[in-house]
Amino acid sequence: MLSVPWITGVFTGGFDWRQIVLVAAWWPAYFAYTDFTQLLRVARVRRAGWWPPVVTFGAVAGVLGVWLVVMRPLLLWWAPWFAVLLGTSVALVIRRAERSWLNDGVTLTAACLMTMVAAGLGAASGRAYSWLPPGTADGRVLVAFAVVLLYFLGTAPYVKTMIRDRGRPEVYAVSVGYHGLLMVLGWFVSPWTGGLGLLLLARAAGVPKLWPKATPKAIGLAEMGISTVVTLVAILGG
């Protein structure tokens, strides 16, 4: 979730050294977010121990983020988008809805936006219009972003069918239906995305039935392989 969007953005937008600064800020920003949401979930008497990592990771991300904005001021166009998505996620955590489908959706969308952010810093980003966030004016980047986003959004219902909602037919139906629609849409884009859609549909429909007791570790390792395929298709198949 953290690596695939950035890698895809680098390859579709062209490499630029500032993308290294971006990923160096992105990882600690994510750690600060996860630690902060964990802080919100624990009892007040235990929160003091969570502040040091929040502050440390936040400071590292903040310093690198300011440096990036100084070098590429147009990155500020992305600030409202991330603020809305992460603000929504924090509000859901406060309401004890951190495992809701909505929270899955907003956090995954925020992560996948990194595809366009990284592409907008790339060597080919000069094609972007000045009134649009960097990376949004290139059709190839937009297709890559869509591939990455739709894949990761699909992991939410799929993983639920394997772990927390294992055996629930309605969740399985949502997962299979979503991936079926994804496959149909994929064939309208290219054979690459259509083939990827077929692979994801087979995995959503078959794995919960054939390996219903797969461990979280096995599921995670399988998704590493799938996400590698997704990355290649996002880069090559648009």
C-alpha atoms as a PDB file:
ATOM      1  CA  MET A   1       0.000   0.000   0.000  1.00  0.00           C
ATOM      2  CA  LEU A   2       2.901   2.351   0.658  1.00  0.00           C
ATOM      3  CA  SER A   3       5.318   1.153  -2.018  1.00  0.00           C
ATOM      4  CA  VAL A   4       3.192   0.259  -5.050  1.00  0.00           C
ATOM      5  CA  PRO A   5       1.709   3.756  -5.656  1.00  0.00           C
ATOM      6  CA  TRP A   6       5.105   5.436  -5.295  1.00  0.00           C
ATOM      7  CA  ILE A   7       6.878   2.952  -7.578  1.00  0.00           C
ATOM      8  CA  THR A   8       4.120   3.276 -10.166  1.00  0.00           C
ATOM      9  CA  GLY A   9       4.314   7.059 -10.043  1.00  0.00           C
ATOM     10  CA  VAL A  10       8.090   7.038 -10.484  1.00  0.00           C
ATOM     11  CA  PHE A  11       7.935   4.833 -13.570  1.00  0.00           C
ATOM     12  CA  THR A  12       4.997   6.604 -15.207  1.00  0.00           C
ATOM     13  CA  GLY A  13       6.158  10.139 -14.452  1.00  0.00           C
ATOM     14  CA  GLY A  14       9.868   9.662 -15.029  1.00  0.00           C
ATOM     15  CA  PHE A  15      12.521   9.537 -12.335  1.00  0.00           C
ATOM     16  CA  ASP A  16      13.578  12.667 -10.450  1.00  0.00           C
ATOM     17  CA  TRP A  17      15.708  12.749  -7.286  1.00  0.00           C
ATOM     18  CA  ARG A  18      12.952  14.626  -5.429  1.00  0.00           C
ATOM     19  CA  GLN A  19      10.910  11.433  -5.515  1.00  0.00           C
ATOM     20  CA  ILE A  20      13.446   9.964  -3.086  1.00  0.00           C
ATOM     21  CA  VAL A  21      12.739  12.834  -0.694  1.00  0.00           C
ATOM     22  CA  LEU A  22       9.030  12.178  -1.192  1.00  0.00           C
ATOM     23  CA  VAL A  23       9.198   8.516  -0.169  1.00  0.00           C
ATOM     24  CA  ALA A  24      11.520   9.431   2.709  1.00  0.00           C
ATOM     25  CA  ALA A  25       8.755  11.734   3.973  1.00  0.00           C
ATOM     26  CA  TRP A  26       5.894   9.391   3.075  1.00  0.00           C
ATOM     27  CA  TRP A  27       6.935   6.445   5.237  1.00  0.00           C
ATOM     28  CA  PRO A  28       7.394   8.387   8.514  1.00  0.00           C
ATOM     29  CA  ALA A  29       4.176  10.298   7.753  1.00  0.00           C
ATOM     30  CA  TYR A  30       2.371   6.961   7.604  1.00  0.00           C
ATOM     31  CA  PHE A  31       4.014   5.788  10.828  1.00  0.00           C
ATOM     32  CA  ALA A  32       2.973   9.035  12.536  1.00  0.00           C
ATOM     33  CA  TYR A  33      -0.595   8.533  11.327  1.00  0.00           C
ATOM     34  CA  THR A  34      -0.820   4.910  12.494  1.00  0.00           C
ATOM     35  CA  ASP A  35       0.697   5.723  15.884  1.00  0.00           C
ATOM     36  CA  PHE A  36      -1.642   8.691  16.308  1.00  0.00           C
ATOM     37  CA  THR A  37      -4.716   6.618  15.504  1.00  0.00           C
ATOM     38  CA  GLN A  38      -3.491   3.961  17.935  1.00  0.00           C
ATOM     39  CA  LEU A  39      -3.087   6.695  20.551  1.00  0.00           C
ATOM     40  CA  LEU A  40      -6.731   7.650  20.024  1.00  0.00           C
ATOM     41  CA  ARG A  41      -7.839   4.057  20.581  1.00  0.00           C
ATOM     42  CA  VAL A  42      -6.074   3.341  23.869  1.00  0.00           C
ATOM     43  CA  ALA A  43      -7.090   4.466  27.351  1.00  0.00           C
ATOM     44  CA  ARG A  44      -6.047   7.998  28.294  1.00  0.00           C
ATOM     45  CA  VAL A  45      -3.659   6.762  30.968  1.00  0.00           C
ATOM     46  CA  ARG A  46      -1.691   4.867  28.308  1.00  0.00           C
ATOM     47  CA  ARG A  47      -1.477   7.650  25.740  1.00  0.00           C
ATOM     48  CA  ALA A  48       1.725   9.247  27.030  1.00  0.00           C
ATOM     49  CA  GLY A  49       3.788   6.374  25.667  1.00  0.00           C
ATOM     50  CA  TRP A  50       2.456   6.910  22.155  1.00  0.00           C
ATOM     51  CA  TRP A  51       3.358  10.583  21.849  1.00  0.00           C
ATOM     52  CA  PRO A  52       7.152  10.200  21.336  1.00  0.00           C
ATOM     53  CA  PRO A  53       6.838   8.153  18.089  1.00  0.00           C
ATOM     54  CA  VAL A  54       4.026  10.396  16.843  1.00  0.00           C
ATOM     55  CA  VAL A  55       6.133  13.512  17.402  1.00  0.00           C
ATOM     56  CA  THR A  56       9.349  11.934  16.071  1.00  0.00           C
ATOM     57  CA  PHE A  57       7.863  10.520  12.878  1.00  0.00           C
ATOM     58  CA  GLY A  58       5.741  13.623  12.407  1.00  0.00           C
ATOM     59  CA  ALA A  59       8.755  15.908  12.726  1.00  0.00           C
ATOM     60  CA  VAL A  60      10.782  13.926  10.172  1.00  0.00           C
ATOM     61  CA  ALA A  61       7.870  13.903   7.734  1.00  0.00           C
ATOM     62  CA  GLY A  62       7.215  17.591   8.347  1.00  0.00           C
ATOM     63  CA  VAL A  63      10.788  18.713   7.713  1.00  0.00           C
ATOM     64  CA  LEU A  64      11.081  16.672   4.517  1.00  0.00           C
ATOM     65  CA  GLY A  65       7.605  17.756   3.433  1.00  0.00           C
ATOM     66  CA  VAL A  66       8.450  21.448   3.807  1.00  0.00           C
ATOM     67  CA  TRP A  67      11.631  20.887   1.808  1.00  0.00           C
ATOM     68  CA  LEU A  68       9.607  19.292  -0.981  1.00  0.00           C
ATOM     69  CA  VAL A  69       7.090  22.132  -1.034  1.00  0.00           C
ATOM     70  CA  VAL A  70       9.909  24.691  -1.244  1.00  0.00           C
ATOM     71  CA  MET A  71      11.292  22.820  -4.265  1.00  0.00           C
ATOM     72  CA  ARG A  72       7.872  22.150  -5.825  1.00  0.00           C
ATOM     73  CA  PRO A  73       5.242  24.597  -4.479  1.00  0.00           C
ATOM     74  CA  LEU A  74       2.505  23.073  -6.662  1.00  0.00           C
ATOM     75  CA  LEU A  75       2.496  20.107  -4.294  1.00  0.00           C
ATOM     76  CA  LEU A  76       0.341  22.254  -2.007  1.00  0.00           C
ATOM     77  CA  TRP A  77      -2.533  21.506  -4.391  1.00  0.00           C
ATOM     78  CA  TRP A  78      -2.598  18.046  -2.838  1.00  0.00           C
ATOM     79  CA  ALA A  79      -2.882  19.284   0.752  1.00  0.00           C
ATOM     80  CA  PRO A  80      -6.714  19.690   0.807  1.00  0.00           C
ATOM     81  CA  TRP A  81      -7.225  16.214  -0.649  1.00  0.00           C
ATOM     82  CA  PHE A  82      -5.065  14.522   1.958  1.00  0.00           C
ATOM     83  CA  ALA A  83      -6.513  16.701   4.719  1.00  0.00           C
ATOM     84  CA  VAL A  84     -10.075  15.626   3.891  1.00  0.00           C
ATOM     85  CA  LEU A  85      -9.202  11.932   3.580  1.00  0.00           C
ATOM     86  CA  LEU A  86      -7.045  11.704   6.692  1.00  0.00           C
ATOM     87  CA  GLY A  87      -9.395  13.927   8.683  1.00  0.00           C
ATOM     88  CA  THR A  88     -12.237  11.564   7.805  1.00  0.00           C
ATOM     89  CA  SER A  89     -10.157   8.594   8.896  1.00  0.00           C
ATOM     90  CA  VAL A  90      -9.277  10.187  12.237  1.00  0.00           C
ATOM     91  CA  ALA A  91     -12.948  11.022  12.835  1.00  0.00           C
ATOM     92  CA  LEU A  92     -13.869   7.393  12.162  1.00  0.00           C
ATOM     93  CA  VAL A  93     -11.175   6.169  14.550  1.00  0.00           C
ATOM     94  CA  ILE A  94     -12.527   8.458  17.260  1.00  0.00           C
ATOM     95  CA  ARG A  95     -15.970   6.913  16.664  1.00  0.00           C
ATOM     96  CA  ARG A  96     -14.438   3.409  16.972  1.00  0.00           C
ATOM     97  CA  ALA A  97     -15.155   2.729  13.303  1.00  0.00           C
ATOM     98  CA  GLU A  98     -11.531   2.179  12.285  1.00  0.00           C
ATOM     99  CA  ARG A  99     -12.368  -1.187  10.725  1.00  0.00           C
ATOM    100  CA  SER A 100     -15.313   0.107   8.729  1.00  0.00           C
ATOM    101  CA  TRP A 101     -15.480  -0.101   4.944  1.00  0.00           C
ATOM    102  CA  LEU A 102     -15.501   3.698   4.788  1.00  0.00           C
ATOM    103  CA  ASN A 103     -12.253   3.972   6.720  1.00  0.00           C
ATOM    104  CA  ASP A 104     -10.698   1.306   4.494  1.00  0.00           C
ATOM    105  CA  GLY A 105     -11.755   3.329   1.465  1.00  0.00           C
ATOM    106  CA  VAL A 106     -10.432   6.706   2.587  1.00  0.00           C
ATOM    107  CA  THR A 107      -7.089   5.375   3.818  1.00  0.00           C
ATOM    108  CA  LEU A 108      -6.536   3.325   0.669  1.00  0.00           C
ATOM    109  CA  THR A 109      -7.450   6.305  -1.519  1.00  0.00           C
ATOM    110  CA  ALA A 110      -4.997   8.515   0.352  1.00  0.00           C
ATOM    111  CA  ALA A 111      -2.255   5.950  -0.138  1.00  0.00           C
ATOM    112  CA  CYS A 112      -3.001   5.526  -3.836  1.00  0.00           C
ATOM    113  CA  LEU A 113      -2.904   9.283  -4.489  1.00  0.00           C
ATOM    114  CA  MET A 114       0.837   8.903  -4.034  1.00  0.00           C
ATOM    115  CA  THR A 115       0.867   7.543  -7.597  1.00  0.00           C
ATOM    116  CA  MET A 116       0.032  10.983  -8.966  1.00  0.00           C
ATOM    117  CA  VAL A 117       2.093  12.856  -6.386  1.00  0.00           C
ATOM    118  CA  ALA A 118       5.223  10.882  -7.294  1.00  0.00           C
ATOM    119  CA  ALA A 119       4.506  11.161 -11.020  1.00  0.00           C
ATOM    120  CA  GLY A 120       4.045  14.910 -10.659  1.00  0.00           C
ATOM    121  CA  LEU A 121       7.587  15.203  -9.326  1.00  0.00           C
ATOM    122  CA  GLY A 122       8.972  13.220 -12.253  1.00  0.00           C
ATOM    123  CA  ALA A 123      11.101  14.308 -15.131  1.00  0.00           C
ATOM    124  CA  ALA A 124       8.072  14.327 -17.452  1.00  0.00           C
ATOM    125  CA  SER A 125       5.863  16.384 -15.131  1.00  0.00           C
ATOM    126  CA  GLY A 126       6.409  19.591 -17.063  1.00  0.00           C
ATOM    127  CA  ARG A 127       3.348  18.686 -19.134  1.00  0.00           C
ATOM    128  CA  ALA A 128       1.061  19.366 -16.148  1.00  0.00           C
ATOM    129  CA  TYR A 129      -1.145  22.447 -16.255  1.00  0.00           C
ATOM    130  CA  SER A 130      -0.300  24.978 -13.568  1.00  0.00           C
ATOM    131  CA  TRP A 131      -3.869  25.053 -12.183  1.00  0.00           C
ATOM    132  CA  LEU A 132      -3.990  21.300 -11.599  1.00  0.00           C
ATOM    133  CA  PRO A 133      -2.176  19.250  -8.963  1.00  0.00           C
ATOM    134  CA  PRO A 134       1.089  17.847 -10.364  1.00  0.00           C
ATOM    135  CA  GLY A 135       0.579  14.507 -12.086  1.00  0.00           C
ATOM    136  CA  THR A 136      -3.115  14.910 -12.937  1.00  0.00           C
ATOM    137  CA  ALA A 137      -2.760  16.170 -16.497  1.00  0.00           C
ATOM    138  CA  ASP A 138      -1.099  13.037 -17.909  1.00  0.00           C
ATOM    139  CA  GLY A 139      -3.564  10.422 -19.145  1.00  0.00           C
ATOM    140  CA  ARG A 140      -1.097   7.593 -18.673  1.00  0.00           C
ATOM    141  CA  VAL A 141      -0.609   8.555 -15.040  1.00  0.00           C
ATOM    142  CA  LEU A 142      -4.366   8.747 -14.482  1.00  0.00           C
ATOM    143  CA  VAL A 143      -4.850   5.232 -15.874  1.00  0.00           C
ATOM    144  CA  ALA A 144      -2.025   3.941 -13.680  1.00  0.00           C
ATOM    145  CA  PHE A 145      -3.599   5.617 -10.656  1.00  0.00           C
ATOM    146  CA  ALA A 146      -6.972   4.060 -11.478  1.00  0.00           C
ATOM    147  CA  VAL A 147      -5.445   0.583 -11.779  1.00  0.00           C
ATOM    148  CA  VAL A 148      -3.675   0.904  -8.435  1.00  0.00           C
ATOM    149  CA  LEU A 149      -6.671   2.451  -6.673  1.00  0.00           C
ATOM    150  CA  LEU A 150      -9.223  -0.072  -7.937  1.00  0.00           C
ATOM    151  CA  TYR A 151      -6.970  -2.959  -6.993  1.00  0.00           C
ATOM    152  CA  PHE A 152      -6.419  -1.726  -3.454  1.00  0.00           C
ATOM    153  CA  LEU A 153     -10.084  -0.859  -2.922  1.00  0.00           C
ATOM    154  CA  GLY A 154     -10.848  -4.449  -3.897  1.00  0.00           C
ATOM    155  CA  THR A 155      -8.492  -5.792  -1.255  1.00  0.00           C
ATOM    156  CA  ALA A 156     -10.835  -4.479   1.462  1.00  0.00           C
ATOM    157  CA  PRO A 157     -13.759  -6.838   0.745  1.00  0.00           C
ATOM    158  CA  TYR A 158     -11.451  -9.646  -0.405  1.00  0.00           C
ATOM    159  CA  VAL A 159      -9.394  -9.693   2.793  1.00  0.00           C
ATOM    160  CA  LYS A 160     -12.576  -9.484   4.864  1.00  0.00           C
ATOM    161  CA  THR A 161     -13.830 -12.677   3.173  1.00  0.00           C
ATOM    162  CA  MET A 162     -10.624 -14.390   4.282  1.00  0.00           C
ATOM    163  CA  ILE A 163     -10.312 -13.143   7.864  1.00  0.00           C
ATOM    164  CA  ARG A 164     -12.885 -11.087   9.779  1.00  0.00           C
ATOM    165  CA  ASP A 165     -15.923 -11.883   7.629  1.00  0.00           C
ATOM    166  CA  ARG A 166     -14.921 -15.394   6.604  1.00  0.00           C
ATOM    167  CA  GLY A 167     -17.974 -17.425   5.692  1.00  0.00           C
ATOM    168  CA  ARG A 168     -20.347 -14.484   5.321  1.00  0.00           C
ATOM    169  CA  PRO A 169     -22.047 -14.882   1.923  1.00  0.00           C
ATOM    170  CA  GLU A 170     -22.993 -11.212   1.566  1.00  0.00           C
ATOM    171  CA  VAL A 171     -19.371 -10.062   1.926  1.00  0.00           C
ATOM    172  CA  TYR A 172     -18.230 -12.751  -0.510  1.00  0.00           C
ATOM    173  CA  ALA A 173     -20.892 -11.578  -2.995  1.00  0.00           C
ATOM    174  CA  VAL A 174     -19.700  -7.977  -2.710  1.00  0.00           C
ATOM    175  CA  SER A 175     -16.082  -9.030  -3.276  1.00  0.00           C
ATOM    176  CA  VAL A 176     -16.847 -11.205  -6.302  1.00  0.00           C
ATOM    177  CA  GLY A 177     -19.268  -8.668  -7.759  1.00  0.00           C
ATOM    178  CA  TYR A 178     -16.762  -5.839  -7.396  1.00  0.00           C
ATOM    179  CA  HIS A 179     -13.996  -7.806  -9.064  1.00  0.00           C
ATOM    180  CA  GLY A 180     -16.337  -8.971 -11.812  1.00  0.00           C
ATOM    181  CA  LEU A 181     -17.149  -5.359 -12.632  1.00  0.00           C
ATOM    182  CA  LEU A 182     -13.439  -4.562 -12.479  1.00  0.00           C
ATOM    183  CA  MET A 183     -12.703  -7.254 -15.055  1.00  0.00           C
ATOM    184  CA  VAL A 184     -15.365  -5.938 -17.445  1.00  0.00           C
ATOM    185  CA  LEU A 185     -14.069  -2.376 -17.155  1.00  0.00           C
ATOM    186  CA  GLY A 186     -10.500  -3.577 -17.600  1.00  0.00           C
ATOM    187  CA  TRP A 187     -11.182  -5.029 -21.048  1.00  0.00           C
ATOM    188  CA  PHE A 188     -12.349  -1.605 -22.226  1.00  0.00           C
ATOM    189  CA  VAL A 189      -8.949  -0.132 -21.343  1.00  0.00           C
ATOM    190  CA  SER A 190      -6.444  -2.682 -22.626  1.00  0.00           C
ATOM    191  CA  PRO A 191      -5.735  -6.418 -22.740  1.00  0.00           C
ATOM    192  CA  TRP A 192      -3.295  -5.879 -19.871  1.00  0.00           C
ATOM    193  CA  THR A 193      -5.917  -4.446 -17.514  1.00  0.00           C
ATOM    194  CA  GLY A 194      -8.525  -6.933 -18.716  1.00  0.00           C
ATOM    195  CA  GLY A 195      -6.195  -9.831 -17.961  1.00  0.00           C
ATOM    196  CA  LEU A 196      -5.423  -8.346 -14.556  1.00  0.00           C
ATOM    197  CA  GLY A 197      -9.142  -8.044 -13.861  1.00  0.00           C
ATOM    198  CA  LEU A 198      -9.610 -11.703 -14.732  1.00  0.00           C
ATOM    199  CA  LEU A 199      -6.769 -12.689 -12.375  1.00  0.00           C
ATOM    200  CA  LEU A 200      -8.232 -10.631  -9.528  1.00  0.00           C
ATOM    201  CA  LEU A 201     -11.693 -12.062 -10.106  1.00  0.00           C
ATOM    202  CA  ALA A 202     -10.353 -15.619 -10.024  1.00  0.00           C
ATOM    203  CA  ARG A 203      -8.559 -14.852  -6.774  1.00  0.00           C
ATOM    204  CA  ALA A 204     -11.628 -13.203  -5.192  1.00  0.00           C
ATOM    205  CA  ALA A 205     -13.937 -16.040  -6.223  1.00  0.00           C
ATOM    206  CA  GLY A 206     -11.638 -19.016  -5.796  1.00  0.00           C
ATOM    207  CA  VAL A 207      -9.338 -18.449  -2.841  1.00  0.00           C
ATOM    208  CA  PRO A 208     -12.061 -18.108  -0.147  1.00  0.00           C
ATOM    209  CA  LYS A 209     -13.621 -21.362  -1.377  1.00  0.00           C
ATOM    210  CA  LEU A 210     -10.479 -23.402  -2.037  1.00  0.00           C
ATOM    211  CA  TRP A 211      -8.372 -22.170   0.912  1.00  0.00           C
ATOM    212  CA  PRO A 212     -10.910 -20.904   3.461  1.00  0.00           C
ATOM    213  CA  LYS A 213      -8.498 -21.356   6.368  1.00  0.00           C
ATOM    214  CA  ALA A 214      -5.492 -19.629   4.856  1.00  0.00           C
ATOM    215  CA  THR A 215      -3.471 -17.797   7.501  1.00  0.00           C
ATOM    216  CA  PRO A 216      -3.048 -14.001   7.438  1.00  0.00           C
ATOM    217  CA  LYS A 217       0.657 -14.571   6.695  1.00  0.00           C
ATOM    218  CA  ALA A 218      -0.160 -16.695   3.639  1.00  0.00           C
ATOM    219  CA  ILE A 219      -2.721 -14.147   2.453  1.00  0.00           C
ATOM    220  CA  GLY A 220      -0.188 -11.347   2.847  1.00  0.00           C
ATOM    221  CA  LEU A 221       2.537 -13.194   0.955  1.00  0.00           C
ATOM    222  CA  ALA A 222       0.108 -13.947  -1.882  1.00  0.00           C
ATOM    223  CA  GLU A 223      -0.867 -10.279  -2.060  1.00  0.00           C
ATOM    224  CA  MET A 224       2.785  -9.324  -2.389  1.00  0.00           C
ATOM    225  CA  GLY A 225       2.877 -11.362  -5.591  1.00  0.00           C
ATOM    226  CA  ILE A 226      -0.434  -9.942  -6.814  1.00  0.00           C
ATOM    227  CA  SER A 227       0.645  -6.368  -6.070  1.00  0.00           C
ATOM    228  CA  THR A 228       3.807  -6.927  -8.127  1.00  0.00           C
ATOM    229  CA  VAL A 229       1.643  -7.910 -11.089  1.00  0.00           C
ATOM    230  CA  VAL A 230      -0.596  -4.877 -10.468  1.00  0.00           C
ATOM    231  CA  THR A 231       2.435  -2.589 -10.471  1.00  0.00           C
ATOM    232  CA  LEU A 232       3.675  -3.957 -13.794  1.00  0.00           C
ATOM    233  CA  VAL A 233       0.244  -3.673 -15.404  1.00  0.00           C
ATOM    234  CA  ALA A 234      -0.204  -0.129 -14.067  1.00  0.00           C
ATOM    235  CA  ILE A 235       3.133   0.882 -15.597  1.00  0.00           C
ATOM    236  CA  LEU A 236       2.811  -0.996 -18.886  1.00  0.00           C
ATOM    237  CA  GLY A 237      -0.869  -1.518 -19.479  1.00  0.00           C
ATOM    238  CA  GLY A 238      -2.401   1.927 -19.635  1.00  0.00           C
END
